[in-house]
Protein backbone atom coordinates (compact mmCIF):
# COMPACT_ATOMS: atom_id res chain seq x y z
CA UNK A 1 0.00 0.00 0.00
CA UNK A 2 1.37 3.40 -0.84
CA UNK A 3 0.24 6.88 0.06
CA UNK A 4 0.33 9.78 -2.33
CA UNK A 5 1.77 12.87 -0.76
CA UNK A 6 1.05 16.42 -1.77
CA UNK A 7 2.50 19.63 -0.41
CA UNK A 8 0.21 21.46 1.96
CA UNK A 9 0.32 24.35 4.37
CA UNK A 10 -1.60 25.33 7.45
CA UNK A 11 -2.36 29.02 7.09
CA UNK A 12 -2.23 31.15 10.19
CA UNK A 13 -5.33 33.34 10.42
CA UNK A 14 -4.02 35.83 12.94
CA UNK A 15 -1.21 36.01 15.45
CA UNK A 16 -1.25 35.11 19.12
CA UNK A 17 -0.16 37.63 21.69
CA UNK A 18 3.11 36.66 23.38
CA UNK A 19 1.32 36.42 26.73
CA UNK A 20 -1.32 33.98 25.40
CA UNK A 21 1.28 31.93 23.50
CA UNK A 22 3.54 31.62 26.54
CA UNK A 23 0.59 30.65 28.75
CA UNK A 24 -0.59 27.93 26.35
CA UNK A 25 2.95 26.53 26.05
CA UNK A 26 3.45 26.43 29.82
CA UNK A 27 0.08 24.71 30.32
CA UNK A 28 0.85 22.14 27.62
CA UNK A 29 4.30 21.43 29.10
CA UNK A 30 2.59 20.26 32.32
CA UNK A 31 0.22 18.01 30.36
CA UNK A 32 2.96 16.66 28.09
CA UNK A 33 5.36 15.92 30.95
CA UNK A 34 2.63 14.08 32.84
CA UNK A 35 1.60 12.10 29.76
CA UNK A 36 5.19 11.31 28.73
CA UNK A 37 6.95 11.06 32.09
CA UNK A 38 8.80 7.89 31.06
CA UNK A 39 9.89 9.30 27.68
CA UNK A 40 13.36 10.81 28.09
CA UNK A 41 13.24 12.34 24.60
CA UNK A 42 10.27 14.46 25.62
CA UNK A 43 11.64 15.24 29.09
CA UNK A 44 15.05 16.27 27.74
CA UNK A 45 13.59 18.45 24.98
CA UNK A 46 10.62 20.02 26.80
CA UNK A 47 12.23 23.49 26.76
CA UNK A 48 12.13 23.38 22.94
CA UNK A 49 8.31 23.18 22.95
CA UNK A 50 6.81 25.90 20.79
CA UNK A 51 3.65 26.62 18.83
CA UNK A 52 4.43 26.10 15.15
CA UNK A 53 1.01 27.19 13.82
CA UNK A 54 -1.95 29.08 15.23
CA UNK A 55 -5.15 28.54 13.27
CA UNK A 56 -7.62 30.81 15.09
CA UNK A 57 -10.20 30.60 17.86
CA UNK A 58 -13.31 28.46 17.42
CA UNK A 59 -16.07 28.42 20.07
CA UNK A 60 -13.55 29.62 22.65
CA UNK A 61 -10.89 27.02 21.72
CA UNK A 62 -7.49 27.98 20.34
CA UNK A 63 -6.62 25.76 17.36
CA UNK A 64 -2.87 25.28 17.54
CA UNK A 65 -0.14 22.98 16.37
CA UNK A 66 2.99 22.35 18.44
CA UNK A 67 6.40 21.51 17.06
CA UNK A 68 7.57 17.88 17.26
CA UNK A 69 10.00 17.43 20.16
CA UNK A 70 11.24 13.98 19.22
CA UNK A 71 11.96 13.09 15.61
CA UNK A 72 9.96 15.07 13.06
CA UNK A 73 8.85 11.93 11.27
CA UNK A 74 5.81 11.67 9.05
CA UNK A 75 2.82 9.65 10.20
CA UNK A 76 -0.70 9.16 8.93
CA UNK A 77 -3.40 10.06 11.42
CA UNK A 78 -6.80 8.39 11.23
CA UNK A 79 -9.75 10.10 12.89
CA UNK A 80 -13.27 8.67 12.87
CA UNK A 81 -16.15 11.08 13.39
CA UNK A 82 -19.55 9.42 13.07
CA UNK A 83 -19.75 7.81 9.64
CA UNK A 84 -16.65 9.58 8.34
CA UNK A 85 -13.01 8.53 8.48
CA UNK A 86 -10.38 11.18 7.91
CA UNK A 87 -6.76 10.39 6.98
CA UNK A 88 -4.18 13.13 7.02
CA UNK A 89 -0.41 13.31 7.31
CA UNK A 90 1.37 14.65 10.35
CA UNK A 91 4.55 16.20 8.97
CA UNK A 92 7.26 17.51 11.28
CA UNK A 93 5.01 18.32 14.19
CA UNK A 94 1.97 17.50 16.18
CA UNK A 95 -1.57 17.43 14.85
CA UNK A 96 -3.76 20.48 15.32
CA UNK A 97 -5.07 20.53 18.88
CA UNK A 98 -7.78 22.53 20.59
CA UNK A 99 -6.90 24.40 23.78
CA UNK A 100 -9.20 26.32 26.10
CA UNK A 101 -8.34 28.15 29.32
CA UNK A 102 -10.36 27.13 32.38
CA UNK A 103 -12.74 29.88 33.40
PDB file of N, CA and C in Angstrom:
ATOM      1  N   UNK A   1       0.839  -1.164   0.000  1.00  0.00           N
ATOM      2  CA  UNK A   1       0.000   0.000   0.000  1.00  0.00           C
ATOM      3  C   UNK A   1       0.889   1.232   0.000  1.00  0.00           C
ATOM      4  N   UNK A   2       0.577   2.176  -0.818  1.00  0.00           N
ATOM      5  CA  UNK A   2       1.368   3.400  -0.841  1.00  0.00           C
ATOM      6  C   UNK A   2       0.435   4.596  -0.674  1.00  0.00           C
ATOM      7  N   UNK A   3       0.996   5.646  -0.143  1.00  0.00           N
ATOM      8  CA  UNK A   3       0.242   6.878   0.062  1.00  0.00           C
ATOM      9  C   UNK A   3       0.799   7.933  -0.874  1.00  0.00           C
ATOM     10  N   UNK A   4      -0.091   8.642  -1.516  1.00  0.00           N
ATOM     11  CA  UNK A   4       0.335   9.777  -2.328  1.00  0.00           C
ATOM     12  C   UNK A   4       0.505  10.966  -1.406  1.00  0.00           C
ATOM     13  N   UNK A   5       1.567  11.694  -1.592  1.00  0.00           N
ATOM     14  CA  UNK A   5       1.766  12.873  -0.765  1.00  0.00           C
ATOM     15  C   UNK A   5       1.683  14.119  -1.629  1.00  0.00           C
ATOM     16  N   UNK A   6       1.159  15.138  -1.070  1.00  0.00           N
ATOM     17  CA  UNK A   6       1.045  16.415  -1.773  1.00  0.00           C
ATOM     18  C   UNK A   6       1.470  17.504  -0.811  1.00  0.00           C
ATOM     19  N   UNK A   7       2.120  18.543  -1.315  1.00  0.00           N
ATOM     20  CA  UNK A   7       2.498  19.634  -0.412  1.00  0.00           C
ATOM     21  C   UNK A   7       1.264  20.328   0.134  1.00  0.00           C
ATOM     22  N   UNK A   8       1.327  20.737   1.375  1.00  0.00           N
ATOM     23  CA  UNK A   8       0.209  21.455   1.964  1.00  0.00           C
ATOM     24  C   UNK A   8       0.752  22.442   2.981  1.00  0.00           C
ATOM     25  N   UNK A   9      -0.057  23.402   3.329  1.00  0.00           N
ATOM     26  CA  UNK A   9       0.320  24.353   4.365  1.00  0.00           C
ATOM     27  C   UNK A   9      -0.873  24.579   5.278  1.00  0.00           C
ATOM     28  N   UNK A  10      -0.577  24.895   6.509  1.00  0.00           N
ATOM     29  CA  UNK A  10      -1.604  25.333   7.445  1.00  0.00           C
ATOM     30  C   UNK A  10      -1.445  26.833   7.540  1.00  0.00           C
ATOM     31  N   UNK A  11      -2.451  27.558   7.122  1.00  0.00           N
ATOM     32  CA  UNK A  11      -2.359  29.018   7.088  1.00  0.00           C
ATOM     33  C   UNK A  11      -2.754  29.600   8.445  1.00  0.00           C
ATOM     34  N   UNK A  12      -1.911  30.469   8.947  1.00  0.00           N
ATOM     35  CA  UNK A  12      -2.230  31.147  10.191  1.00  0.00           C
ATOM     36  C   UNK A  12      -3.212  32.276   9.898  1.00  0.00           C
ATOM     37  N   UNK A  13      -4.299  32.332  10.659  1.00  0.00           N
ATOM     38  CA  UNK A  13      -5.330  33.337  10.422  1.00  0.00           C
ATOM     39  C   UNK A  13      -4.971  34.680  11.045  1.00  0.00           C
ATOM     40  N   UNK A  14      -4.436  34.632  12.229  1.00  0.00           N
ATOM     41  CA  UNK A  14      -4.016  35.833  12.943  1.00  0.00           C
ATOM     42  C   UNK A  14      -2.791  35.438  13.767  1.00  0.00           C
ATOM     43  N   UNK A  15      -2.326  36.346  14.579  1.00  0.00           N
ATOM     44  CA  UNK A  15      -1.210  36.009  15.451  1.00  0.00           C
ATOM     45  C   UNK A  15      -1.671  35.972  16.897  1.00  0.00           C
ATOM     46  N   UNK A  16      -0.992  35.172  17.690  1.00  0.00           N
ATOM     47  CA  UNK A  16      -1.254  35.107  19.122  1.00  0.00           C
ATOM     48  C   UNK A  16      -0.432  36.181  19.824  1.00  0.00           C
ATOM     49  N   UNK A  17      -0.978  36.731  20.876  1.00  0.00           N
ATOM     50  CA  UNK A  17      -0.162  37.631  21.689  1.00  0.00           C
ATOM     51  C   UNK A  17       0.905  36.788  22.383  1.00  0.00           C
ATOM     52  N   UNK A  18       2.032  37.392  22.701  1.00  0.00           N
ATOM     53  CA  UNK A  18       3.113  36.661  23.376  1.00  0.00           C
ATOM     54  C   UNK A  18       2.638  36.105  24.714  1.00  0.00           C
ATOM     55  N   UNK A  19       1.819  36.865  25.423  1.00  0.00           N
ATOM     56  CA  UNK A  19       1.315  36.424  26.727  1.00  0.00           C
ATOM     57  C   UNK A  19       0.453  35.166  26.589  1.00  0.00           C
ATOM     58  N   UNK A  20      -0.454  35.152  25.617  1.00  0.00           N
ATOM     59  CA  UNK A  20      -1.315  33.985  25.399  1.00  0.00           C
ATOM     60  C   UNK A  20      -0.488  32.798  24.938  1.00  0.00           C
ATOM     61  N   UNK A  21       0.420  33.017  23.999  1.00  0.00           N
ATOM     62  CA  UNK A  21       1.277  31.935  23.496  1.00  0.00           C
ATOM     63  C   UNK A  21       2.085  31.304  24.626  1.00  0.00           C
ATOM     64  N   UNK A  22       2.734  32.138  25.438  1.00  0.00           N
ATOM     65  CA  UNK A  22       3.537  31.617  26.542  1.00  0.00           C
ATOM     66  C   UNK A  22       2.685  30.844  27.538  1.00  0.00           C
ATOM     67  N   UNK A  23       1.491  31.330  27.812  1.00  0.00           N
ATOM     68  CA  UNK A  23       0.592  30.651  28.753  1.00  0.00           C
ATOM     69  C   UNK A  23       0.154  29.292  28.227  1.00  0.00           C
ATOM     70  N   UNK A  24      -0.190  29.209  26.952  1.00  0.00           N
ATOM     71  CA  UNK A  24      -0.592  27.934  26.352  1.00  0.00           C
ATOM     72  C   UNK A  24       0.570  26.949  26.396  1.00  0.00           C
ATOM     73  N   UNK A  25       1.774  27.409  26.036  1.00  0.00           N
ATOM     74  CA  UNK A  25       2.947  26.526  26.046  1.00  0.00           C
ATOM     75  C   UNK A  25       3.213  25.996  27.453  1.00  0.00           C
ATOM     76  N   UNK A  26       3.183  26.866  28.449  1.00  0.00           N
ATOM     77  CA  UNK A  26       3.454  26.431  29.825  1.00  0.00           C
ATOM     78  C   UNK A  26       2.406  25.428  30.306  1.00  0.00           C
ATOM     79  N   UNK A  27       1.135  25.661  29.962  1.00  0.00           N
ATOM     80  CA  UNK A  27       0.077  24.710  30.318  1.00  0.00           C
ATOM     81  C   UNK A  27       0.302  23.370  29.642  1.00  0.00           C
ATOM     82  N   UNK A  28       0.667  23.394  28.357  1.00  0.00           N
ATOM     83  CA  UNK A  28       0.855  22.139  27.619  1.00  0.00           C
ATOM     84  C   UNK A  28       2.095  21.395  28.097  1.00  0.00           C
ATOM     85  N   UNK A  29       3.118  22.099  28.557  1.00  0.00           N
ATOM     86  CA  UNK A  29       4.299  21.428  29.105  1.00  0.00           C
ATOM     87  C   UNK A  29       3.908  20.532  30.277  1.00  0.00           C
ATOM     88  N   UNK A  30       3.043  21.042  31.163  1.00  0.00           N
ATOM     89  CA  UNK A  30       2.594  20.261  32.319  1.00  0.00           C
ATOM     90  C   UNK A  30       1.871  18.998  31.851  1.00  0.00           C
ATOM     91  N   UNK A  31       0.975  19.157  30.884  1.00  0.00           N
ATOM     92  CA  UNK A  31       0.218  18.011  30.355  1.00  0.00           C
ATOM     93  C   UNK A  31       1.154  17.021  29.684  1.00  0.00           C
ATOM     94  N   UNK A  32       2.051  17.519  28.841  1.00  0.00           N
ATOM     95  CA  UNK A  32       2.958  16.660  28.092  1.00  0.00           C
ATOM     96  C   UNK A  32       3.919  15.911  29.010  1.00  0.00           C
ATOM     97  N   UNK A  33       4.455  16.588  30.010  1.00  0.00           N
ATOM     98  CA  UNK A  33       5.357  15.921  30.946  1.00  0.00           C
ATOM     99  C   UNK A  33       4.644  14.839  31.746  1.00  0.00           C
ATOM    100  N   UNK A  34       3.397  15.095  32.124  1.00  0.00           N
ATOM    101  CA  UNK A  34       2.630  14.079  32.845  1.00  0.00           C
ATOM    102  C   UNK A  34       2.331  12.883  31.951  1.00  0.00           C
ATOM    103  N   UNK A  35       1.947  13.160  30.704  1.00  0.00           N
ATOM    104  CA  UNK A  35       1.595  12.097  29.757  1.00  0.00           C
ATOM    105  C   UNK A  35       2.822  11.298  29.317  1.00  0.00           C
ATOM    106  N   UNK A  36       3.987  11.937  29.272  1.00  0.00           N
ATOM    107  CA  UNK A  36       5.190  11.307  28.725  1.00  0.00           C
ATOM    108  C   UNK A  36       6.303  11.214  29.765  1.00  0.00           C
ATOM    109  N   UNK A  37       5.949  11.010  31.024  1.00  0.00           N
ATOM    110  CA  UNK A  37       6.951  11.065  32.093  1.00  0.00           C
ATOM    111  C   UNK A  37       8.053  10.015  31.955  1.00  0.00           C
ATOM    112  N   UNK A  38       7.786   8.922  31.257  1.00  0.00           N
ATOM    113  CA  UNK A  38       8.802   7.886  31.062  1.00  0.00           C
ATOM    114  C   UNK A  38       9.558   8.047  29.741  1.00  0.00           C
ATOM    115  N   UNK A  39       9.242   9.083  28.974  1.00  0.00           N
ATOM    116  CA  UNK A  39       9.886   9.302  27.678  1.00  0.00           C
ATOM    117  C   UNK A  39      10.988  10.351  27.845  1.00  0.00           C
ATOM    118  N   UNK A  40      12.248   9.893  27.877  1.00  0.00           N
ATOM    119  CA  UNK A  40      13.363  10.805  28.087  1.00  0.00           C
ATOM    120  C   UNK A  40      13.532  11.799  26.949  1.00  0.00           C
ATOM    121  N   UNK A  41      13.150  11.406  25.721  1.00  0.00           N
ATOM    122  CA  UNK A  41      13.243  12.336  24.599  1.00  0.00           C
ATOM    123  C   UNK A  41      12.371  13.563  24.836  1.00  0.00           C
ATOM    124  N   UNK A  42      11.169  13.342  25.331  1.00  0.00           N
ATOM    125  CA  UNK A  42      10.266  14.462  25.621  1.00  0.00           C
ATOM    126  C   UNK A  42      10.787  15.261  26.806  1.00  0.00           C
ATOM    127  N   UNK A  43      11.149  14.564  27.886  1.00  0.00           N
ATOM    128  CA  UNK A  43      11.641  15.236  29.092  1.00  0.00           C
ATOM    129  C   UNK A  43      12.870  16.088  28.795  1.00  0.00           C
ATOM    130  N   UNK A  44      13.803  15.546  28.030  1.00  0.00           N
ATOM    131  CA  UNK A  44      15.049  16.265  27.743  1.00  0.00           C
ATOM    132  C   UNK A  44      14.865  17.423  26.776  1.00  0.00           C
ATOM    133  N   UNK A  45      13.807  17.406  25.990  1.00  0.00           N
ATOM    134  CA  UNK A  45      13.592  18.447  24.981  1.00  0.00           C
ATOM    135  C   UNK A  45      12.417  19.362  25.285  1.00  0.00           C
ATOM    136  N   UNK A  46      11.843  19.288  26.483  1.00  0.00           N
ATOM    137  CA  UNK A  46      10.621  20.022  26.797  1.00  0.00           C
ATOM    138  C   UNK A  46      10.799  21.539  26.652  1.00  0.00           C
ATOM    139  N   UNK A  47      12.008  22.040  26.877  1.00  0.00           N
ATOM    140  CA  UNK A  47      12.225  23.486  26.757  1.00  0.00           C
ATOM    141  C   UNK A  47      12.215  23.967  25.312  1.00  0.00           C
ATOM    142  N   UNK A  48      12.212  23.032  24.359  1.00  0.00           N
ATOM    143  CA  UNK A  48      12.134  23.384  22.936  1.00  0.00           C
ATOM    144  C   UNK A  48      10.686  23.469  22.448  1.00  0.00           C
ATOM    145  N   UNK A  49       9.721  23.157  23.339  1.00  0.00           N
ATOM    146  CA  UNK A  49       8.314  23.180  22.951  1.00  0.00           C
ATOM    147  C   UNK A  49       7.913  24.574  22.490  1.00  0.00           C
ATOM    148  N   UNK A  50       7.251  24.628  21.345  1.00  0.00           N
ATOM    149  CA  UNK A  50       6.808  25.900  20.794  1.00  0.00           C
ATOM    150  C   UNK A  50       5.550  25.663  19.965  1.00  0.00           C
ATOM    151  N   UNK A  51       4.805  26.706  19.708  1.00  0.00           N
ATOM    152  CA  UNK A  51       3.648  26.622  18.825  1.00  0.00           C
ATOM    153  C   UNK A  51       4.142  26.891  17.410  1.00  0.00           C
ATOM    154  N   UNK A  52       3.961  25.915  16.528  1.00  0.00           N
ATOM    155  CA  UNK A  52       4.434  26.100  15.153  1.00  0.00           C
ATOM    156  C   UNK A  52       3.376  26.768  14.284  1.00  0.00           C
ATOM    157  N   UNK A  53       2.095  26.558  14.578  1.00  0.00           N
ATOM    158  CA  UNK A  53       1.009  27.193  13.824  1.00  0.00           C
ATOM    159  C   UNK A  53      -0.144  27.527  14.755  1.00  0.00           C
ATOM    160  N   UNK A  54      -0.739  28.668  14.516  1.00  0.00           N
ATOM    161  CA  UNK A  54      -1.946  29.078  15.225  1.00  0.00           C
ATOM    162  C   UNK A  54      -3.030  29.275  14.173  1.00  0.00           C
ATOM    163  N   UNK A  55      -4.129  28.572  14.322  1.00  0.00           N
ATOM    164  CA  UNK A  55      -5.154  28.543  13.273  1.00  0.00           C
ATOM    165  C   UNK A  55      -6.447  29.255  13.657  1.00  0.00           C
ATOM    166  N   UNK A  56      -6.433  30.037  14.724  1.00  0.00           N
ATOM    167  CA  UNK A  56      -7.616  30.810  15.088  1.00  0.00           C
ATOM    168  C   UNK A  56      -8.308  30.293  16.328  1.00  0.00           C
ATOM    169  N   UNK A  57      -9.399  30.965  16.699  1.00  0.00           N
ATOM    170  CA  UNK A  57     -10.200  30.596  17.862  1.00  0.00           C
ATOM    171  C   UNK A  57     -11.574  30.177  17.373  1.00  0.00           C
ATOM    172  N   UNK A  58     -12.025  29.013  17.834  1.00  0.00           N
ATOM    173  CA  UNK A  58     -13.311  28.455  17.423  1.00  0.00           C
ATOM    174  C   UNK A  58     -14.078  28.060  18.670  1.00  0.00           C
ATOM    175  N   UNK A  59     -15.237  28.695  18.890  1.00  0.00           N
ATOM    176  CA  UNK A  59     -16.065  28.420  20.069  1.00  0.00           C
ATOM    177  C   UNK A  59     -15.262  28.496  21.362  1.00  0.00           C
ATOM    178  N   UNK A  60     -14.345  29.438  21.442  1.00  0.00           N
ATOM    179  CA  UNK A  60     -13.546  29.620  22.648  1.00  0.00           C
ATOM    180  C   UNK A  60     -12.302  28.759  22.728  1.00  0.00           C
ATOM    181  N   UNK A  61     -12.069  27.890  21.744  1.00  0.00           N
ATOM    182  CA  UNK A  61     -10.895  27.015  21.723  1.00  0.00           C
ATOM    183  C   UNK A  61      -9.850  27.567  20.757  1.00  0.00           C
ATOM    184  N   UNK A  62      -8.608  27.613  21.204  1.00  0.00           N
ATOM    185  CA  UNK A  62      -7.493  27.984  20.336  1.00  0.00           C
ATOM    186  C   UNK A  62      -7.080  26.756  19.534  1.00  0.00           C
ATOM    187  N   UNK A  63      -7.083  26.856  18.224  1.00  0.00           N
ATOM    188  CA  UNK A  63      -6.625  25.763  17.363  1.00  0.00           C
ATOM    189  C   UNK A  63      -5.139  25.997  17.103  1.00  0.00           C
ATOM    190  N   UNK A  64      -4.311  25.092  17.613  1.00  0.00           N
ATOM    191  CA  UNK A  64      -2.867  25.280  17.540  1.00  0.00           C
ATOM    192  C   UNK A  64      -2.176  23.981  17.169  1.00  0.00           C
ATOM    193  N   UNK A  65      -0.964  24.135  16.703  1.00  0.00           N
ATOM    194  CA  UNK A  65      -0.137  22.979  16.370  1.00  0.00           C
ATOM    195  C   UNK A  65       1.225  23.214  16.999  1.00  0.00           C
ATOM    196  N   UNK A  66       1.681  22.253  17.795  1.00  0.00           N
ATOM    197  CA  UNK A  66       2.985  22.348  18.437  1.00  0.00           C
ATOM    198  C   UNK A  66       4.045  21.729  17.545  1.00  0.00           C
ATOM    199  N   UNK A  67       5.303  22.143  17.760  1.00  0.00           N
ATOM    200  CA  UNK A  67       6.401  21.507  17.059  1.00  0.00           C
ATOM    201  C   UNK A  67       6.626  20.095  17.611  1.00  0.00           C
ATOM    202  N   UNK A  68       7.265  19.238  16.834  1.00  0.00           N
ATOM    203  CA  UNK A  68       7.574  17.880  17.257  1.00  0.00           C
ATOM    204  C   UNK A  68       8.857  17.904  18.067  1.00  0.00           C
ATOM    205  N   UNK A  69       8.819  17.405  19.292  1.00  0.00           N
ATOM    206  CA  UNK A  69       9.998  17.429  20.155  1.00  0.00           C
ATOM    207  C   UNK A  69      10.941  16.256  19.910  1.00  0.00           C
ATOM    208  N   UNK A  70      10.449  15.208  19.260  1.00  0.00           N
ATOM    209  CA  UNK A  70      11.236  13.983  19.223  1.00  0.00           C
ATOM    210  C   UNK A  70      11.952  13.762  17.908  1.00  0.00           C
ATOM    211  N   UNK A  71      11.227  13.494  16.816  1.00  0.00           N
ATOM    212  CA  UNK A  71      11.956  13.088  15.611  1.00  0.00           C
ATOM    213  C   UNK A  71      11.502  13.725  14.311  1.00  0.00           C
ATOM    214  N   UNK A  72      10.395  14.410  14.293  1.00  0.00           N
ATOM    215  CA  UNK A  72       9.961  15.073  13.065  1.00  0.00           C
ATOM    216  C   UNK A  72       9.534  14.126  11.967  1.00  0.00           C
ATOM    217  N   UNK A  73       9.216  12.895  12.314  1.00  0.00           N
ATOM    218  CA  UNK A  73       8.848  11.931  11.274  1.00  0.00           C
ATOM    219  C   UNK A  73       7.432  12.158  10.778  1.00  0.00           C
ATOM    220  N   UNK A  74       7.128  11.561   9.641  1.00  0.00           N
ATOM    221  CA  UNK A  74       5.806  11.670   9.050  1.00  0.00           C
ATOM    222  C   UNK A  74       4.967  10.472   9.476  1.00  0.00           C
ATOM    223  N   UNK A  75       3.748  10.719   9.850  1.00  0.00           N
ATOM    224  CA  UNK A  75       2.821   9.651  10.200  1.00  0.00           C
ATOM    225  C   UNK A  75       1.480   9.968   9.563  1.00  0.00           C
ATOM    226  N   UNK A  76       0.647   8.961   9.436  1.00  0.00           N
ATOM    227  CA  UNK A  76      -0.703   9.164   8.927  1.00  0.00           C
ATOM    228  C   UNK A  76      -1.662   9.021  10.103  1.00  0.00           C
ATOM    229  N   UNK A  77      -2.423  10.045  10.333  1.00  0.00           N
ATOM    230  CA  UNK A  77      -3.402  10.065  11.425  1.00  0.00           C
ATOM    231  C   UNK A  77      -4.762   9.642  10.879  1.00  0.00           C
ATOM    232  N   UNK A  78      -5.454   8.790  11.611  1.00  0.00           N
ATOM    233  CA  UNK A  78      -6.804   8.390  11.225  1.00  0.00           C
ATOM    234  C   UNK A  78      -7.757   8.845  12.322  1.00  0.00           C
ATOM    235  N   UNK A  79      -8.755   9.605  11.944  1.00  0.00           N
ATOM    236  CA  UNK A  79      -9.746  10.101  12.894  1.00  0.00           C
ATOM    237  C   UNK A  79     -11.118   9.704  12.379  1.00  0.00           C
ATOM    238  N   UNK A  80     -11.913   9.082  13.241  1.00  0.00           N
ATOM    239  CA  UNK A  80     -13.268   8.669  12.872  1.00  0.00           C
ATOM    240  C   UNK A  80     -14.256   9.565  13.605  1.00  0.00           C
ATOM    241  N   UNK A  81     -15.104  10.221  12.842  1.00  0.00           N
ATOM    242  CA  UNK A  81     -16.154  11.076  13.390  1.00  0.00           C
ATOM    243  C   UNK A  81     -17.463  10.615  12.777  1.00  0.00           C
ATOM    244  N   UNK A  82     -18.290   9.954  13.585  1.00  0.00           N
ATOM    245  CA  UNK A  82     -19.552   9.415  13.070  1.00  0.00           C
ATOM    246  C   UNK A  82     -19.308   8.437  11.947  1.00  0.00           C
ATOM    247  N   UNK A  83     -19.894   8.694  10.796  1.00  0.00           N
ATOM    248  CA  UNK A  83     -19.754   7.811   9.643  1.00  0.00           C
ATOM    249  C   UNK A  83     -18.549   8.149   8.778  1.00  0.00           C
ATOM    250  N   UNK A  84     -17.758   9.119   9.175  1.00  0.00           N
ATOM    251  CA  UNK A  84     -16.651   9.582   8.336  1.00  0.00           C
ATOM    252  C   UNK A  84     -15.303   9.185   8.938  1.00  0.00           C
ATOM    253  N   UNK A  85     -14.385   8.801   8.085  1.00  0.00           N
ATOM    254  CA  UNK A  85     -13.010   8.527   8.485  1.00  0.00           C
ATOM    255  C   UNK A  85     -12.099   9.486   7.744  1.00  0.00           C
ATOM    256  N   UNK A  86     -11.299  10.218   8.493  1.00  0.00           N
ATOM    257  CA  UNK A  86     -10.377  11.181   7.910  1.00  0.00           C
ATOM    258  C   UNK A  86      -8.955  10.662   8.041  1.00  0.00           C
ATOM    259  N   UNK A  87      -8.187  10.735   6.967  1.00  0.00           N
ATOM    260  CA  UNK A  87      -6.764  10.393   6.984  1.00  0.00           C
ATOM    261  C   UNK A  87      -5.994  11.644   6.599  1.00  0.00           C
ATOM    262  N   UNK A  88      -5.004  11.986   7.392  1.00  0.00           N
ATOM    263  CA  UNK A  88      -4.183  13.125   7.018  1.00  0.00           C
ATOM    264  C   UNK A  88      -2.771  12.930   7.568  1.00  0.00           C
ATOM    265  N   UNK A  89      -1.798  13.482   6.867  1.00  0.00           N
ATOM    266  CA  UNK A  89      -0.409  13.311   7.308  1.00  0.00           C
ATOM    267  C   UNK A  89      -0.054  14.279   8.426  1.00  0.00           C
ATOM    268  N   UNK A  90       0.773  13.798   9.325  1.00  0.00           N
ATOM    269  CA  UNK A  90       1.372  14.654  10.348  1.00  0.00           C
ATOM    270  C   UNK A  90       2.826  14.800   9.936  1.00  0.00           C
ATOM    271  N   UNK A  91       3.190  15.964   9.452  1.00  0.00           N
ATOM    272  CA  UNK A  91       4.551  16.198   8.973  1.00  0.00           C
ATOM    273  C   UNK A  91       5.292  17.142   9.912  1.00  0.00           C
ATOM    274  N   UNK A  92       6.367  16.681  10.476  1.00  0.00           N
ATOM    275  CA  UNK A  92       7.258  17.507  11.277  1.00  0.00           C
ATOM    276  C   UNK A  92       6.519  18.297  12.338  1.00  0.00           C
ATOM    277  N   UNK A  93       5.707  17.636  13.104  1.00  0.00           N
ATOM    278  CA  UNK A  93       5.014  18.318  14.192  1.00  0.00           C
ATOM    279  C   UNK A  93       3.779  17.569  14.622  1.00  0.00           C
ATOM    280  N   UNK A  94       3.163  18.105  15.617  1.00  0.00           N
ATOM    281  CA  UNK A  94       1.971  17.504  16.179  1.00  0.00           C
ATOM    282  C   UNK A  94       0.744  17.869  15.350  1.00  0.00           C
ATOM    283  N   UNK A  95      -0.322  17.087  15.517  1.00  0.00           N
ATOM    284  CA  UNK A  95      -1.571  17.429  14.846  1.00  0.00           C
ATOM    285  C   UNK A  95      -2.169  18.686  15.478  1.00  0.00           C
ATOM    286  N   UNK A  96      -3.092  19.294  14.789  1.00  0.00           N
ATOM    287  CA  UNK A  96      -3.762  20.481  15.324  1.00  0.00           C
ATOM    288  C   UNK A  96      -4.555  20.065  16.556  1.00  0.00           C
ATOM    289  N   UNK A  97      -4.393  20.827  17.625  1.00  0.00           N
ATOM    290  CA  UNK A  97      -5.069  20.532  18.876  1.00  0.00           C
ATOM    291  C   UNK A  97      -5.907  21.731  19.295  1.00  0.00           C
ATOM    292  N   UNK A  98      -6.923  21.464  20.077  1.00  0.00           N
ATOM    293  CA  UNK A  98      -7.776  22.530  20.592  1.00  0.00           C
ATOM    294  C   UNK A  98      -7.443  22.765  22.061  1.00  0.00           C
ATOM    295  N   UNK A  99      -7.266  24.019  22.431  1.00  0.00           N
ATOM    296  CA  UNK A  99      -6.902  24.397  23.781  1.00  0.00           C
ATOM    297  C   UNK A  99      -7.864  25.462  24.273  1.00  0.00           C
ATOM    298  N   UNK A 100      -8.311  25.315  25.531  1.00  0.00           N
ATOM    299  CA  UNK A 100      -9.199  26.321  26.103  1.00  0.00           C
ATOM    300  C   UNK A 100      -8.766  26.556  27.554  1.00  0.00           C
ATOM    301  N   UNK A 101      -8.671  27.821  27.932  1.00  0.00           N
ATOM    302  CA  UNK A 101      -8.345  28.148  29.317  1.00  0.00           C
ATOM    303  C   UNK A 101      -9.536  27.853  30.212  1.00  0.00           C
ATOM    304  N   UNK A 102      -9.276  27.322  31.411  1.00  0.00           N
ATOM    305  CA  UNK A 102     -10.361  27.132  32.380  1.00  0.00           C
ATOM    306  C   UNK A 102     -10.851  28.490  32.838  1.00  0.00           C
ATOM    307  N   UNK A 103     -12.157  28.594  32.975  1.00  0.00           N
ATOM    308  CA  UNK A 103     -12.736  29.883  33.403  1.00  0.00           C
ATOM    309  C   UNK A 103     -12.949  29.912  34.883  1.00  0.00           C
TER     310      UNK A 103
END
